[in-house]
Amino acid sequence: MTATTAPTADAPPPGIRLPRRRGVELLLLAGAVLISVYGYVEVGLARHGTVPAGAASYGAGLAVLALLGHLAVRFRAPYADPLLLPIAVLLNGLGLVLIFRLDQETPKDQAAPTQLIWSALGVALFIGVLALLRDYRVLQRYAYLSVAAALVLMVVPILFPAVNGAKIWIRFAGFSIQPGEFAKILLSVFFAAYLAANRHALAYTGRRLWRMQLPTGRVLGPIVAIWLISVAVLVLERDLGTSLLFFGVFVVLLYAATGRTGWIAVGLLLAAVGAAAVGSVEPHVHSRVADWLHPFASIERGEGASQLALSLFAFGAGGMLGTGLGQGHSALIGFAMKSDFILATAGEELGYTGLTALFLLYTLLVARGYRAGLAIREPFGRLLAVGLSSLLAIQVFVIAGGVMGLIPLTGMAMPFLAQGGSSVVTNWIMIALLVRISDRARRPRPVRADTGVIARVVVPEAGADGDAGPPGDGHDPGEGTGDGDGPGPAGGRRRGRADGQPGSRRRRRARNTRRNGNGNGRRNGGAR
């Protein structure tokens, strides 16, 4: 193994430690906890004129969770993005505030304490992922195991009774879980691993149809088949929202892997056709589409306002600044006010200003995830970060669009805000994976003390012979600098170019010489 050096213009001088920003993260966490506690107190003052009795315990519990998460990041992912954890804590805290506010309308159904317990479990899993998953690239080894587990998780709810028209829950002994929430992470891992290994074949092989390069069926067939199976299962479950979520992530990752904008157009067309077909044959979905097209039809028939109509009224009553926490009437929406329609409460009591702040928090969270993906040099990490960030972005769009009347209602939970244990737990797992990826992306490269340049290790047998790709910058095994197609850290096969190394050219010339003889070998570049 030979060592070469690649000069870089912005290489830090020897002995200078790059900032880890953990102090910034701690200050932001303190601000997130204080904002959440202030909202909790504001609800009590607005409803009863006194500070709620559980304000201190609520603030202490949220602060402990934030501190434990911070310590996990400080010791296990010290170079991670300093904004990911504070944004997640703030959104989780605001969700607890909104659920506590709606609990005032349902004294016999208190959901905030249960949601706090689920949040604690989510933070525990966040810490567990950071502690046990030292290298996210290990997940690439289990791509097909992930998709098999995801399909099982989506099939099992079909065997249980429908809840509110959809078969997406498993309920027994007073306990309920939504397996589809966990399946979305597993499918993201599979999509990222498969597309990372076949991205060149998807982009440059196959037949050209108009302006699109269609890949061969051998390459695209498996992933399309698995997607069709997952969509079929979700249609049987009558859960159009999760089906659209999976399809959206699939199209985004396909575009990110190939760079072909035509896949976005094809994806939108297929989504529209699929939604129209399902809406025409499935009564539960058809009723939601009809309610979306005519939200005030029930009022005109004298049957009272529908949930969507009441949600629109709530947004209109909030105006620019809102009525204030605890002073709205979004509880009229009914049974889904703490889950599907919790954004209507935020819109009425916080106004358009508060909604804009919430959407900016989600936007910043997604943007930091994309940034971590762009900074990663190996394809699996890049696609995994893009996939997880796109999950959050598409989910927020689908839910917000549904309660605002932009698209039909889907029955999904707003990330971190809405009531739902499965949702908040899986959201914390996604944040943990993004933190791990951002730590890898921001971690400084080793610097040679004598020259001040970044060292890069080159493996002589890489690339052309199909062996494991070059390990990149020396500290990051498996992050090849070439364009190999194989899996990364697990010693996968790489069939791409050999990164222009002279040793690779010599090996090719030697093979040509042995294959064709000395005369032909010279004509083919075997000797000069």
Protein backbone atom coordinates (compact mmCIF):
# COMPACT_ATOMS: atom_id res chain seq x y z
CA MET A 1 0.00 0.00 0.00
CA THR A 2 1.45 3.35 -1.03
CA ALA A 3 0.67 6.72 0.41
CA THR A 4 0.20 9.83 -1.70
CA THR A 5 -0.72 13.34 -0.72
CA ALA A 6 -3.28 15.61 -2.28
CA PRO A 7 -2.84 19.33 -1.52
CA THR A 8 -5.88 21.24 -0.45
CA ALA A 9 -6.39 24.98 -0.27
CA ASP A 10 -8.37 24.99 2.96
CA ALA A 11 -6.46 22.35 4.93
CA PRO A 12 -6.19 23.42 8.57
CA PRO A 13 -2.69 24.01 9.94
CA PRO A 14 -1.23 21.21 12.05
CA GLY A 15 -2.26 21.29 15.69
CA ILE A 16 -5.49 23.24 15.11
CA ARG A 17 -8.62 21.46 16.34
CA LEU A 18 -11.74 22.05 14.30
CA PRO A 19 -14.73 23.28 16.36
CA ARG A 20 -17.20 20.59 17.32
CA ARG A 21 -20.03 23.04 18.22
CA ARG A 22 -21.22 21.02 21.19
CA GLY A 23 -21.41 24.16 23.32
CA VAL A 24 -23.64 25.77 20.71
CA GLU A 25 -25.82 22.68 20.74
CA LEU A 26 -26.16 22.82 24.53
CA LEU A 27 -27.22 26.48 24.45
CA LEU A 28 -29.78 25.77 21.74
CA LEU A 29 -31.14 22.86 23.76
CA ALA A 30 -31.57 25.12 26.78
CA GLY A 31 -33.51 27.56 24.61
CA ALA A 32 -35.70 24.76 23.22
CA VAL A 33 -36.57 23.54 26.73
CA LEU A 34 -37.33 27.07 27.97
CA ILE A 35 -39.64 27.78 25.00
CA SER A 36 -41.51 24.55 25.61
CA VAL A 37 -41.89 25.23 29.35
CA TYR A 38 -43.12 28.75 28.60
CA GLY A 39 -45.80 27.34 26.28
CA TYR A 40 -46.85 24.85 28.97
CA VAL A 41 -47.20 27.64 31.54
CA GLU A 42 -49.03 29.88 29.05
CA VAL A 43 -51.68 27.20 28.52
CA GLY A 44 -52.32 26.95 32.28
CA LEU A 45 -52.55 30.71 32.70
CA ALA A 46 -54.95 31.06 29.76
CA ARG A 47 -57.23 28.22 30.86
CA HIS A 48 -57.20 28.46 34.65
CA GLY A 49 -55.36 31.66 35.53
CA THR A 50 -52.61 29.77 37.39
CA VAL A 51 -49.36 28.00 36.59
CA PRO A 52 -50.08 24.30 35.92
CA ALA A 53 -49.21 21.99 38.78
CA GLY A 54 -47.05 19.78 36.58
CA ALA A 55 -45.02 22.57 34.98
CA ALA A 56 -41.89 21.86 37.02
CA SER A 57 -41.98 18.12 36.42
CA TYR A 58 -42.68 18.64 32.73
CA GLY A 59 -39.76 21.05 32.38
CA ALA A 60 -37.44 18.78 34.37
CA GLY A 61 -38.39 15.72 32.33
CA LEU A 62 -37.84 17.47 29.01
CA ALA A 63 -34.55 18.95 30.25
CA VAL A 64 -33.28 15.52 31.34
CA LEU A 65 -34.15 14.02 27.97
CA ALA A 66 -32.39 16.87 26.17
CA LEU A 67 -29.31 16.58 28.38
CA LEU A 68 -29.07 12.81 27.90
CA GLY A 69 -29.33 13.24 24.14
CA HIS A 70 -26.67 15.94 24.23
CA LEU A 71 -24.27 13.75 26.21
CA ALA A 72 -24.78 10.90 23.75
CA VAL A 73 -23.92 13.20 20.85
CA ARG A 74 -20.96 14.76 22.69
CA PHE A 75 -19.29 11.41 23.40
CA ARG A 76 -20.46 9.28 20.46
CA ALA A 77 -20.81 11.77 17.59
CA PRO A 78 -18.74 14.81 18.59
CA TYR A 79 -18.61 16.33 15.10
CA ALA A 80 -22.34 16.01 14.38
CA ASP A 81 -24.45 18.90 13.17
CA PRO A 82 -25.28 21.09 16.21
CA LEU A 83 -28.79 21.94 14.98
CA LEU A 84 -30.35 18.51 14.48
CA LEU A 85 -30.88 17.61 18.15
CA PRO A 86 -32.11 21.06 19.33
CA ILE A 87 -34.67 21.29 16.52
CA ALA A 88 -35.97 17.81 17.32
CA VAL A 89 -36.24 18.64 21.05
CA LEU A 90 -38.06 21.91 20.31
CA LEU A 91 -40.57 20.25 17.97
CA ASN A 92 -41.12 17.44 20.46
CA GLY A 93 -41.60 19.94 23.29
CA LEU A 94 -44.07 22.03 21.29
CA GLY A 95 -45.97 18.87 20.43
CA LEU A 96 -46.28 18.06 24.13
CA VAL A 97 -47.54 21.61 24.76
CA LEU A 98 -50.22 21.34 22.07
CA ILE A 99 -51.34 17.92 23.31
CA PHE A 100 -51.48 19.24 26.89
CA ARG A 101 -53.58 22.17 25.67
CA LEU A 102 -56.05 19.82 23.97
CA ASP A 103 -56.14 17.64 27.09
CA GLN A 104 -57.93 20.55 28.79
CA GLU A 105 -60.90 19.85 26.51
CA THR A 106 -60.94 16.12 27.33
CA PRO A 107 -60.39 15.72 31.10
CA LYS A 108 -61.06 11.97 30.92
CA ASP A 109 -58.56 11.40 28.10
CA GLN A 110 -55.15 12.76 29.09
CA ALA A 111 -52.65 12.08 26.32
CA ALA A 112 -49.73 14.36 27.29
CA PRO A 113 -48.27 12.08 30.05
CA THR A 114 -48.35 9.08 27.70
CA GLN A 115 -46.75 11.11 24.93
CA LEU A 116 -43.96 12.16 27.30
CA ILE A 117 -43.28 8.49 28.05
CA TRP A 118 -43.12 7.71 24.33
CA SER A 119 -40.78 10.67 23.88
CA ALA A 120 -38.53 9.26 26.60
CA LEU A 121 -38.49 5.92 24.79
CA GLY A 122 -37.65 7.69 21.55
CA VAL A 123 -34.71 9.51 23.15
CA ALA A 124 -33.56 6.20 24.66
CA LEU A 125 -33.53 4.65 21.19
CA PHE A 126 -31.76 7.76 19.88
CA ILE A 127 -29.00 7.17 22.45
CA GLY A 128 -28.95 3.45 21.69
CA VAL A 129 -28.50 4.01 17.95
CA LEU A 130 -25.59 6.39 18.54
CA ALA A 131 -23.99 4.02 21.04
CA LEU A 132 -24.33 0.81 19.03
CA LEU A 133 -24.15 2.01 15.44
CA ARG A 134 -20.60 3.34 15.22
CA ASP A 135 -20.62 3.27 11.41
CA TYR A 136 -23.88 3.71 9.51
CA ARG A 137 -22.42 1.93 6.49
CA VAL A 138 -22.91 -1.37 8.29
CA LEU A 139 -26.60 -1.03 7.40
CA GLN A 140 -25.72 -1.53 3.75
CA ARG A 141 -24.94 -5.18 4.46
CA TYR A 142 -28.54 -5.79 5.55
CA ALA A 143 -30.38 -4.22 2.61
CA TYR A 144 -32.45 -7.27 1.69
CA LEU A 145 -33.04 -8.18 5.31
CA SER A 146 -34.37 -4.64 5.83
CA VAL A 147 -36.83 -4.86 2.96
CA ALA A 148 -38.02 -8.30 4.09
CA ALA A 149 -38.65 -6.99 7.61
CA ALA A 150 -40.42 -3.93 6.19
CA LEU A 151 -42.80 -6.06 4.12
CA VAL A 152 -43.60 -8.22 7.14
CA LEU A 153 -44.35 -5.13 9.22
CA MET A 154 -46.72 -3.85 6.54
CA VAL A 155 -48.51 -7.18 6.07
CA VAL A 156 -49.22 -7.95 9.73
CA PRO A 157 -51.80 -5.13 10.31
CA ILE A 158 -54.03 -6.61 7.59
CA LEU A 159 -54.83 -9.42 10.02
CA PHE A 160 -56.23 -6.98 12.60
CA PRO A 161 -59.51 -5.02 12.55
CA ALA A 162 -59.63 -1.65 10.85
CA VAL A 163 -59.42 1.50 12.98
CA ASN A 164 -61.18 4.57 11.57
CA GLY A 165 -61.36 2.87 8.18
CA ALA A 166 -57.66 1.92 7.88
CA LYS A 167 -55.85 -1.32 8.76
CA ILE A 168 -52.57 0.14 9.95
CA TRP A 169 -52.68 -0.69 13.67
CA ILE A 170 -51.83 -3.70 15.80
CA ARG A 171 -53.82 -3.64 19.02
CA PHE A 172 -53.76 -6.14 21.85
CA ALA A 173 -54.19 -5.92 25.64
CA GLY A 174 -54.78 -2.18 25.50
CA PHE A 175 -51.50 -1.60 23.65
CA SER A 176 -51.31 -0.33 20.07
CA ILE A 177 -48.49 0.09 17.57
CA GLN A 178 -48.28 1.25 13.97
CA PRO A 179 -45.72 -0.98 12.19
CA GLY A 180 -45.70 1.14 9.03
CA GLU A 181 -43.79 3.85 10.88
CA PHE A 182 -40.86 1.49 11.39
CA ALA A 183 -41.16 0.07 7.88
CA LYS A 184 -40.44 3.46 6.32
CA ILE A 185 -36.94 3.53 7.85
CA LEU A 186 -36.20 -0.02 6.71
CA LEU A 187 -37.36 0.72 3.17
CA SER A 188 -35.21 3.85 3.09
CA VAL A 189 -32.18 1.74 4.01
CA PHE A 190 -32.96 -0.74 1.23
CA PHE A 191 -33.60 1.92 -1.41
CA ALA A 192 -30.36 3.72 -0.51
CA ALA A 193 -28.27 0.52 -0.56
CA TYR A 194 -29.69 -0.82 -3.83
CA LEU A 195 -29.53 2.48 -5.70
CA ALA A 196 -26.00 3.14 -4.45
CA ALA A 197 -24.87 -0.19 -5.89
CA ASN A 198 -26.67 0.26 -9.23
CA ARG A 199 -26.71 4.01 -9.80
CA HIS A 200 -24.50 3.91 -12.91
CA ALA A 201 -26.51 1.15 -14.51
CA LEU A 202 -29.69 3.09 -13.82
CA ALA A 203 -28.28 6.27 -15.35
CA TYR A 204 -26.27 5.06 -18.33
CA THR A 205 -27.54 1.67 -19.50
CA GLY A 206 -30.73 0.51 -21.17
CA ARG A 207 -32.81 2.00 -23.96
CA ARG A 208 -33.48 5.65 -24.64
CA LEU A 209 -37.14 6.67 -24.90
CA TRP A 210 -37.61 10.24 -26.03
CA ARG A 211 -35.41 12.18 -23.58
CA MET A 212 -35.23 9.51 -20.91
CA GLN A 213 -32.68 6.73 -20.47
CA LEU A 214 -34.67 3.69 -19.36
CA PRO A 215 -32.54 1.17 -17.43
CA THR A 216 -32.63 -2.54 -18.09
CA GLY A 217 -35.24 -4.62 -16.37
CA ARG A 218 -32.54 -6.65 -14.62
CA VAL A 219 -31.39 -3.53 -12.77
CA LEU A 220 -34.67 -1.73 -12.11
CA GLY A 221 -36.88 -4.82 -11.85
CA PRO A 222 -36.17 -5.85 -8.23
CA ILE A 223 -36.69 -2.43 -6.70
CA VAL A 224 -39.85 -1.77 -8.73
CA ALA A 225 -41.23 -5.18 -7.77
CA ILE A 226 -40.63 -4.56 -4.08
CA TRP A 227 -42.19 -1.11 -4.36
CA LEU A 228 -45.27 -2.54 -6.11
CA ILE A 229 -45.64 -5.15 -3.36
CA SER A 230 -45.42 -2.50 -0.66
CA VAL A 231 -47.97 -0.31 -2.45
CA ALA A 232 -50.33 -3.27 -2.88
CA VAL A 233 -50.11 -4.03 0.82
CA LEU A 234 -50.79 -0.42 1.71
CA VAL A 235 -53.79 -0.29 -0.61
CA LEU A 236 -55.18 -3.34 1.14
CA GLU A 237 -54.67 -1.49 4.41
CA ARG A 238 -56.56 1.53 2.98
CA ASP A 239 -53.70 3.83 3.95
CA LEU A 240 -53.10 6.07 0.96
CA GLY A 241 -50.89 8.50 2.92
CA THR A 242 -48.13 6.03 3.73
CA SER A 243 -48.28 4.65 0.19
CA LEU A 244 -47.71 8.14 -1.24
CA LEU A 245 -44.92 8.66 1.28
CA PHE A 246 -43.06 5.53 0.18
CA PHE A 247 -43.55 6.34 -3.47
CA GLY A 248 -42.31 9.90 -2.98
CA VAL A 249 -39.15 8.75 -1.24
CA PHE A 250 -38.57 6.16 -3.98
CA VAL A 251 -38.76 8.82 -6.71
CA VAL A 252 -36.55 11.30 -4.81
CA LEU A 253 -33.85 8.69 -4.23
CA LEU A 254 -34.05 7.55 -7.85
CA TYR A 255 -33.44 11.14 -8.95
CA ALA A 256 -30.64 11.62 -6.40
CA ALA A 257 -28.92 8.42 -7.54
CA THR A 258 -29.13 9.05 -11.30
CA GLY A 259 -29.42 12.82 -11.67
CA ARG A 260 -32.16 12.30 -14.26
CA THR A 261 -34.96 14.85 -13.85
CA GLY A 262 -37.24 12.76 -16.03
CA TRP A 263 -37.79 10.36 -13.13
CA ILE A 264 -39.54 13.14 -11.20
CA ALA A 265 -42.04 13.69 -14.03
CA VAL A 266 -42.62 9.96 -14.33
CA GLY A 267 -43.09 9.69 -10.57
CA LEU A 268 -45.64 12.49 -10.43
CA LEU A 269 -47.55 10.96 -13.34
CA LEU A 270 -47.62 7.49 -11.76
CA ALA A 271 -48.64 8.96 -8.39
CA ALA A 272 -51.56 10.80 -9.99
CA VAL A 273 -52.69 7.72 -11.89
CA GLY A 274 -52.39 5.49 -8.83
CA ALA A 275 -54.24 7.92 -6.57
CA ALA A 276 -57.06 8.28 -9.10
CA ALA A 277 -57.37 4.50 -9.48
CA VAL A 278 -57.41 3.82 -5.75
CA GLY A 279 -59.80 6.70 -5.11
CA SER A 280 -62.29 5.33 -7.61
CA VAL A 281 -62.43 1.78 -6.21
CA GLU A 282 -61.77 2.16 -2.47
CA PRO A 283 -64.74 3.70 -0.56
CA HIS A 284 -62.65 4.97 2.35
CA VAL A 285 -60.24 6.81 0.04
CA HIS A 286 -63.07 7.94 -2.23
CA SER A 287 -64.87 9.62 0.68
CA ARG A 288 -61.73 11.56 1.56
CA VAL A 289 -61.30 12.72 -2.01
CA ALA A 290 -64.95 13.81 -2.15
CA ASP A 291 -64.58 15.67 1.15
CA TRP A 292 -61.50 17.41 -0.23
CA LEU A 293 -63.26 18.48 -3.42
CA HIS A 294 -66.36 19.72 -1.54
CA PRO A 295 -65.36 20.48 2.08
CA PHE A 296 -68.60 22.39 2.84
CA ALA A 297 -71.00 19.91 1.22
CA SER A 298 -72.09 18.50 4.59
CA ILE A 299 -73.00 22.01 5.78
CA GLU A 300 -75.10 22.60 2.68
CA ARG A 301 -76.92 19.32 3.32
CA GLY A 302 -77.66 20.40 6.90
CA GLU A 303 -75.48 17.68 8.43
CA GLY A 304 -73.02 19.98 10.15
CA ALA A 305 -69.42 20.78 9.35
CA SER A 306 -66.97 18.03 8.47
CA GLN A 307 -63.58 17.75 10.10
CA LEU A 308 -61.87 19.35 7.12
CA ALA A 309 -64.33 22.27 7.18
CA LEU A 310 -63.75 22.79 10.91
CA SER A 311 -60.00 22.70 10.29
CA LEU A 312 -60.32 25.42 7.65
CA PHE A 313 -62.44 27.48 10.03
CA ALA A 314 -59.73 27.11 12.69
CA PHE A 315 -57.03 28.39 10.35
CA GLY A 316 -59.23 31.31 9.35
CA ALA A 317 -60.03 32.21 12.97
CA GLY A 318 -56.35 32.30 13.89
CA GLY A 319 -55.49 35.09 11.52
CA MET A 320 -51.98 36.48 11.50
CA LEU A 321 -51.05 36.25 15.20
CA GLY A 322 -53.51 33.66 16.51
CA THR A 323 -55.92 33.69 19.42
CA GLY A 324 -53.26 32.65 21.94
CA LEU A 325 -52.45 29.26 23.46
CA GLY A 326 -55.46 27.80 25.23
CA GLN A 327 -57.94 30.28 23.79
CA GLY A 328 -59.01 28.60 20.54
CA HIS A 329 -61.89 26.27 19.66
CA SER A 330 -60.15 23.68 17.52
CA ALA A 331 -61.39 21.01 19.96
CA LEU A 332 -64.63 21.08 17.94
CA ILE A 333 -62.81 19.04 15.29
CA GLY A 334 -63.36 15.91 17.36
CA PHE A 335 -61.53 12.65 17.88
CA ALA A 336 -58.53 13.36 15.61
CA MET A 337 -57.73 16.78 17.04
CA LYS A 338 -54.62 15.47 18.86
CA SER A 339 -53.28 13.48 15.92
CA ASP A 340 -54.27 14.23 12.33
CA PHE A 341 -55.55 17.77 12.97
CA ILE A 342 -53.15 19.01 15.64
CA LEU A 343 -51.77 21.48 13.09
CA ALA A 344 -55.21 23.16 13.05
CA THR A 345 -54.78 23.94 16.76
CA ALA A 346 -51.38 25.47 16.06
CA GLY A 347 -52.83 27.50 13.19
CA GLU A 348 -55.71 28.87 15.27
CA GLU A 349 -53.85 29.65 18.49
CA LEU A 350 -50.45 30.61 17.06
CA GLY A 351 -51.68 32.13 13.81
CA TYR A 352 -49.92 32.27 10.47
CA THR A 353 -46.85 33.59 12.25
CA GLY A 354 -46.61 30.54 14.49
CA LEU A 355 -47.28 28.19 11.56
CA THR A 356 -44.51 29.85 9.58
CA ALA A 357 -42.13 29.34 12.49
CA LEU A 358 -43.07 25.65 12.70
CA PHE A 359 -42.58 25.14 8.97
CA LEU A 360 -39.23 26.93 9.14
CA LEU A 361 -38.12 24.52 11.88
CA TYR A 362 -39.06 21.57 9.68
CA THR A 363 -37.36 23.20 6.70
CA LEU A 364 -34.16 23.75 8.66
CA LEU A 365 -34.21 20.17 9.93
CA VAL A 366 -34.62 18.78 6.40
CA ALA A 367 -32.00 21.17 5.01
CA ARG A 368 -29.41 20.08 7.58
CA GLY A 369 -30.11 16.47 6.66
CA TYR A 370 -29.58 17.24 2.98
CA ARG A 371 -26.41 19.12 3.84
CA ALA A 372 -25.03 16.10 5.67
CA GLY A 373 -25.81 13.96 2.65
CA LEU A 374 -24.07 16.34 0.25
CA ALA A 375 -20.95 16.34 2.42
CA ILE A 376 -20.68 12.53 2.41
CA ARG A 377 -18.41 11.22 -0.36
CA GLU A 378 -19.72 7.67 -0.56
CA PRO A 379 -23.07 7.00 -2.28
CA PHE A 380 -24.86 4.96 0.38
CA GLY A 381 -24.52 7.59 3.09
CA ARG A 382 -25.53 10.32 0.69
CA LEU A 383 -28.66 8.50 -0.43
CA LEU A 384 -29.58 7.44 3.11
CA ALA A 385 -29.37 11.05 4.37
CA VAL A 386 -31.43 12.26 1.39
CA GLY A 387 -33.98 9.50 1.92
CA LEU A 388 -34.47 10.14 5.64
CA SER A 389 -34.68 13.90 5.12
CA SER A 390 -37.16 13.41 2.29
CA LEU A 391 -39.29 11.23 4.55
CA LEU A 392 -39.69 14.15 6.95
CA ALA A 393 -40.25 16.68 4.17
CA ILE A 394 -42.87 14.65 2.30
CA GLN A 395 -44.65 13.71 5.51
CA VAL A 396 -44.94 17.35 6.59
CA PHE A 397 -46.20 18.35 3.14
CA VAL A 398 -48.78 15.56 2.96
CA ILE A 399 -50.16 16.26 6.44
CA ALA A 400 -50.13 20.05 6.20
CA GLY A 401 -51.64 19.92 2.72
CA GLY A 402 -54.39 17.61 3.94
CA VAL A 403 -55.55 19.71 6.91
CA MET A 404 -55.29 22.91 4.86
CA GLY A 405 -57.35 21.54 1.97
CA LEU A 406 -54.54 21.46 -0.59
CA ILE A 407 -54.66 17.67 -1.06
CA PRO A 408 -56.96 14.91 0.29
CA LEU A 409 -56.58 13.91 3.92
CA THR A 410 -54.21 11.00 4.51
CA GLY A 411 -54.48 10.24 8.24
CA MET A 412 -50.76 10.51 8.98
CA ALA A 413 -49.11 11.99 12.09
CA MET A 414 -47.22 15.28 12.02
CA PRO A 415 -43.59 14.49 12.93
CA PHE A 416 -42.90 15.16 16.63
CA LEU A 417 -46.07 17.27 17.05
CA ALA A 418 -48.96 14.82 16.84
CA GLN A 419 -50.03 12.23 19.38
CA GLY A 420 -48.66 8.79 18.53
CA GLY A 421 -46.01 6.66 20.13
CA SER A 422 -44.87 4.84 17.00
CA SER A 423 -44.45 8.10 15.13
CA VAL A 424 -42.37 9.91 17.75
CA VAL A 425 -40.15 6.86 18.34
CA THR A 426 -39.34 6.40 14.64
CA ASN A 427 -38.73 10.13 14.25
CA TRP A 428 -36.08 9.98 16.97
CA ILE A 429 -34.45 6.98 15.25
CA MET A 430 -34.28 8.97 12.00
CA ILE A 431 -32.69 11.91 13.84
CA ALA A 432 -30.11 9.53 15.33
CA LEU A 433 -29.19 8.23 11.86
CA LEU A 434 -28.88 11.79 10.52
CA VAL A 435 -26.68 12.71 13.49
CA ARG A 436 -24.44 9.73 12.79
CA ILE A 437 -24.18 10.62 9.09
CA SER A 438 -23.46 14.29 9.83
CA ASP A 439 -20.75 13.28 12.30
CA ARG A 440 -19.05 11.28 9.55
CA ALA A 441 -19.46 14.14 7.08
CA ARG A 442 -18.07 16.84 9.41
CA ARG A 443 -15.26 14.78 10.92
CA PRO A 444 -11.90 16.33 9.89
CA ARG A 445 -9.49 14.40 7.70
CA PRO A 446 -6.09 13.46 9.11
CA VAL A 447 -3.41 16.08 8.42
CA ARG A 448 0.29 15.35 8.06
CA ALA A 449 2.19 17.41 10.55
CA ASP A 450 5.22 17.94 8.25
CA THR A 451 3.43 19.26 5.16
CA GLY A 452 -0.01 20.37 6.34
CA VAL A 453 -1.79 18.49 3.56
CA ILE A 454 -4.50 15.87 3.73
CA ALA A 455 -3.17 12.34 3.41
CA ARG A 456 -4.90 9.93 1.07
CA VAL A 457 -4.25 6.22 1.04
CA VAL A 458 -4.44 4.41 -2.29
CA VAL A 459 -4.90 0.64 -2.47
CA PRO A 460 -2.95 -0.71 -5.50
CA GLU A 461 -5.47 -3.46 -6.32
CA ALA A 462 -8.52 -1.20 -6.38
CA GLY A 463 -11.03 -0.55 -9.09
CA ALA A 464 -10.19 -2.33 -12.33
CA ASP A 465 -9.99 -5.87 -11.01
CA GLY A 466 -13.30 -5.62 -9.17
CA ASP A 467 -11.79 -5.54 -5.66
CA ALA A 468 -12.73 -3.27 -2.84
CA GLY A 469 -12.43 0.40 -3.73
CA PRO A 470 -9.81 2.77 -2.32
CA PRO A 471 -10.53 3.84 1.21
CA GLY A 472 -10.46 7.53 0.40
CA ASP A 473 -8.82 9.85 2.85
CA GLY A 474 -7.12 7.37 5.12
CA HIS A 475 -9.38 7.72 8.16
CA ASP A 476 -12.54 6.57 6.48
CA PRO A 477 -12.26 3.01 5.17
CA GLY A 478 -14.73 2.18 2.48
CA GLU A 479 -15.32 5.73 1.26
CA GLY A 480 -13.78 5.20 -2.15
CA THR A 481 -12.72 8.16 -4.18
CA GLY A 482 -13.59 6.42 -7.42
CA ASP A 483 -16.96 5.76 -8.92
CA GLY A 484 -17.24 2.13 -7.90
CA ASP A 485 -20.71 0.70 -7.75
CA GLY A 486 -20.40 -1.84 -5.00
CA PRO A 487 -21.34 -1.64 -1.36
CA GLY A 488 -18.92 0.35 0.75
CA PRO A 489 -17.53 -0.69 4.08
CA ALA A 490 -18.33 -4.36 4.04
CA GLY A 491 -15.69 -5.25 1.46
CA GLY A 492 -18.21 -5.08 -1.38
CA ARG A 493 -17.37 -5.30 -5.05
CA ARG A 494 -16.54 -2.19 -7.01
CA ARG A 495 -16.69 -2.25 -10.78
CA GLY A 496 -16.04 1.41 -11.56
CA ARG A 497 -12.94 3.15 -12.87
CA ALA A 498 -9.76 2.95 -10.87
CA ASP A 499 -9.61 6.67 -10.08
CA GLY A 500 -6.96 7.27 -12.70
CA GLN A 501 -4.13 5.57 -10.79
CA PRO A 502 -1.02 4.64 -12.85
CA GLY A 503 -0.95 1.15 -11.33
CA SER A 504 -4.39 0.45 -12.80
CA ARG A 505 -3.23 1.43 -16.29
CA ARG A 506 -0.19 -0.81 -15.98
CA ARG A 507 -2.38 -3.74 -14.95
CA ARG A 508 -4.66 -3.21 -17.93
CA ARG A 509 -1.70 -3.07 -20.31
CA ALA A 510 -0.27 -6.23 -18.76
CA ARG A 511 -3.57 -8.07 -19.18
CA ASN A 512 -3.80 -6.98 -22.81
CA THR A 513 -0.27 -8.23 -23.40
CA ARG A 514 -0.98 -11.63 -21.89
CA ARG A 515 -4.29 -11.96 -23.73
CA ASN A 516 -3.28 -10.86 -27.22
CA GLY A 517 0.46 -11.55 -27.39
CA ASN A 518 3.29 -9.09 -27.60
CA GLY A 519 2.35 -7.64 -30.97
CA ASN A 520 -1.32 -7.05 -30.26
CA GLY A 521 -0.50 -6.00 -26.74
CA ARG A 522 1.63 -3.15 -28.06
CA ARG A 523 -1.16 -2.01 -30.37
CA ASN A 524 -3.62 -2.08 -27.45
CA GLY A 525 -1.40 -0.08 -25.17
CA GLY A 526 0.37 -3.00 -23.51
CA ALA A 527 3.80 -1.37 -23.98
CA ARG A 528 5.00 1.90 -25.35
